[in-house]
């Protein structure tokens, strides 16, 4: 399967520009490092609310993928449901891919 979003996230991780995990991503958002936050489609409601609150406060974009945490974890090589993109170029490309894909949506 050729999944451009997951492939780009894998490249972003290998480049060292991806933060993985709820608390680490929230810290990066509050510190101004994260340019974009992505969450899996099956993330818990409480986690989604917490991240939405943090992203709103810091004016950071939060997008919900139409990929499960298992699909995201397989692509990144470690268990995760939340990632933070810490690079403007990667963030802009991912936003474009997600918004132009059927099923992708902004929170």
Protein backbone atom coordinates (compact mmCIF):
# COMPACT_ATOMS: atom_id res chain seq x y z
CA UNK A 1 0.00 0.00 0.00
CA UNK A 2 1.32 3.39 -0.99
CA UNK A 3 0.17 5.73 1.78
CA UNK A 4 1.69 9.17 1.19
CA UNK A 5 0.72 10.49 4.63
CA UNK A 6 2.24 7.59 6.56
CA UNK A 7 5.31 7.59 4.30
CA UNK A 8 5.86 11.30 4.92
CA UNK A 9 5.43 10.81 8.67
CA UNK A 10 8.06 8.06 8.55
CA UNK A 11 10.44 10.39 6.70
CA UNK A 12 9.73 13.13 9.23
CA UNK A 13 10.57 10.73 12.08
CA UNK A 14 13.83 9.64 10.43
CA UNK A 15 14.73 13.32 9.99
CA UNK A 16 14.26 13.83 13.75
CA UNK A 17 11.41 16.31 13.28
CA UNK A 18 8.59 14.24 14.83
CA UNK A 19 7.55 14.04 18.48
CA UNK A 20 5.62 10.96 19.59
CA UNK A 21 3.31 10.60 22.59
CA UNK A 22 0.66 12.70 24.32
CA UNK A 23 2.78 14.39 26.97
CA UNK A 24 5.81 14.99 24.74
CA UNK A 25 3.63 16.48 22.02
CA UNK A 26 1.75 18.70 24.50
CA UNK A 27 5.11 19.97 25.84
CA UNK A 28 6.34 20.70 22.31
CA UNK A 29 3.13 22.58 21.52
CA UNK A 30 3.43 24.73 24.64
CA UNK A 31 7.14 25.37 23.97
CA UNK A 32 6.36 26.47 20.41
CA UNK A 33 8.27 23.60 18.78
CA UNK A 34 5.34 21.70 17.25
CA UNK A 35 3.91 23.20 14.08
CA UNK A 36 1.20 20.55 13.65
CA UNK A 37 -0.39 17.87 15.83
CA UNK A 38 -1.86 14.71 14.31
CA UNK A 39 -4.03 12.21 16.15
CA UNK A 40 -5.28 8.77 15.12
CA UNK A 41 -8.93 8.16 14.32
CA UNK A 42 -9.38 5.93 17.36
CA UNK A 43 -7.82 8.21 19.98
CA UNK A 44 -9.64 8.45 23.31
CA UNK A 45 -12.04 11.34 23.77
CA UNK A 46 -10.20 12.59 26.88
CA UNK A 47 -6.85 12.69 25.08
CA UNK A 48 -8.43 14.46 22.12
CA UNK A 49 -10.00 17.10 24.40
CA UNK A 50 -6.72 17.68 26.25
CA UNK A 51 -4.75 18.12 23.03
CA UNK A 52 -7.43 20.32 21.50
CA UNK A 53 -7.28 22.60 24.54
CA UNK A 54 -3.45 22.81 24.43
CA UNK A 55 -3.40 23.39 20.65
CA UNK A 56 -6.09 26.07 20.86
CA UNK A 57 -4.15 27.86 23.62
CA UNK A 58 -0.90 27.75 21.62
CA UNK A 59 -2.58 28.40 18.24
CA UNK A 60 -1.24 25.14 16.79
CA UNK A 61 -3.16 23.21 14.15
CA UNK A 62 -4.63 19.86 15.21
CA UNK A 63 -5.77 17.36 12.60
CA UNK A 64 -7.41 13.98 12.99
CA UNK A 65 -6.15 11.31 10.62
CA UNK A 66 -8.39 8.66 9.15
CA UNK A 67 -5.77 6.11 10.22
CA UNK A 68 -5.94 3.99 13.37
CA UNK A 69 -3.27 3.98 16.05
CA UNK A 70 -2.17 0.56 14.77
CA UNK A 71 -1.62 1.92 11.26
CA UNK A 72 0.25 4.94 12.63
CA UNK A 73 2.32 2.75 14.93
CA UNK A 74 3.26 0.37 12.10
CA UNK A 75 4.40 3.28 9.94
CA UNK A 76 6.53 4.82 12.68
CA UNK A 77 7.92 1.67 14.25
CA UNK A 78 6.61 2.36 17.75
CA UNK A 79 3.24 2.48 19.46
CA UNK A 80 1.61 5.89 19.18
CA UNK A 81 -1.70 7.64 18.64
CA UNK A 82 -0.43 11.25 18.78
CA UNK A 83 2.44 12.87 16.88
CA UNK A 84 3.75 16.41 16.70
CA UNK A 85 5.47 17.69 13.56
CA UNK A 86 8.30 20.11 14.39
CA UNK A 87 9.12 21.32 10.87
CA UNK A 88 7.22 23.89 8.80
CA UNK A 89 7.84 22.14 5.48
CA UNK A 90 6.69 18.73 6.68
CA UNK A 91 3.71 20.32 8.46
CA UNK A 92 2.52 22.20 5.36
CA UNK A 93 2.82 19.14 3.13
CA UNK A 94 0.98 16.93 5.64
CA UNK A 95 -1.85 19.46 6.04
CA UNK A 96 -2.22 19.60 2.26
CA UNK A 97 -2.24 15.80 1.93
CA UNK A 98 -4.74 15.33 4.75
CA UNK A 99 -7.13 18.04 3.62
CA UNK A 100 -7.09 16.80 0.03
CA UNK A 101 -7.74 13.20 1.01
CA UNK A 102 -11.27 11.92 1.34
CA UNK A 103 -11.98 11.31 4.98
CA UNK A 104 -9.29 13.64 6.34
CA UNK A 105 -10.68 16.37 8.54
CA UNK A 106 -9.69 19.28 10.70
CA UNK A 107 -10.76 19.41 14.33
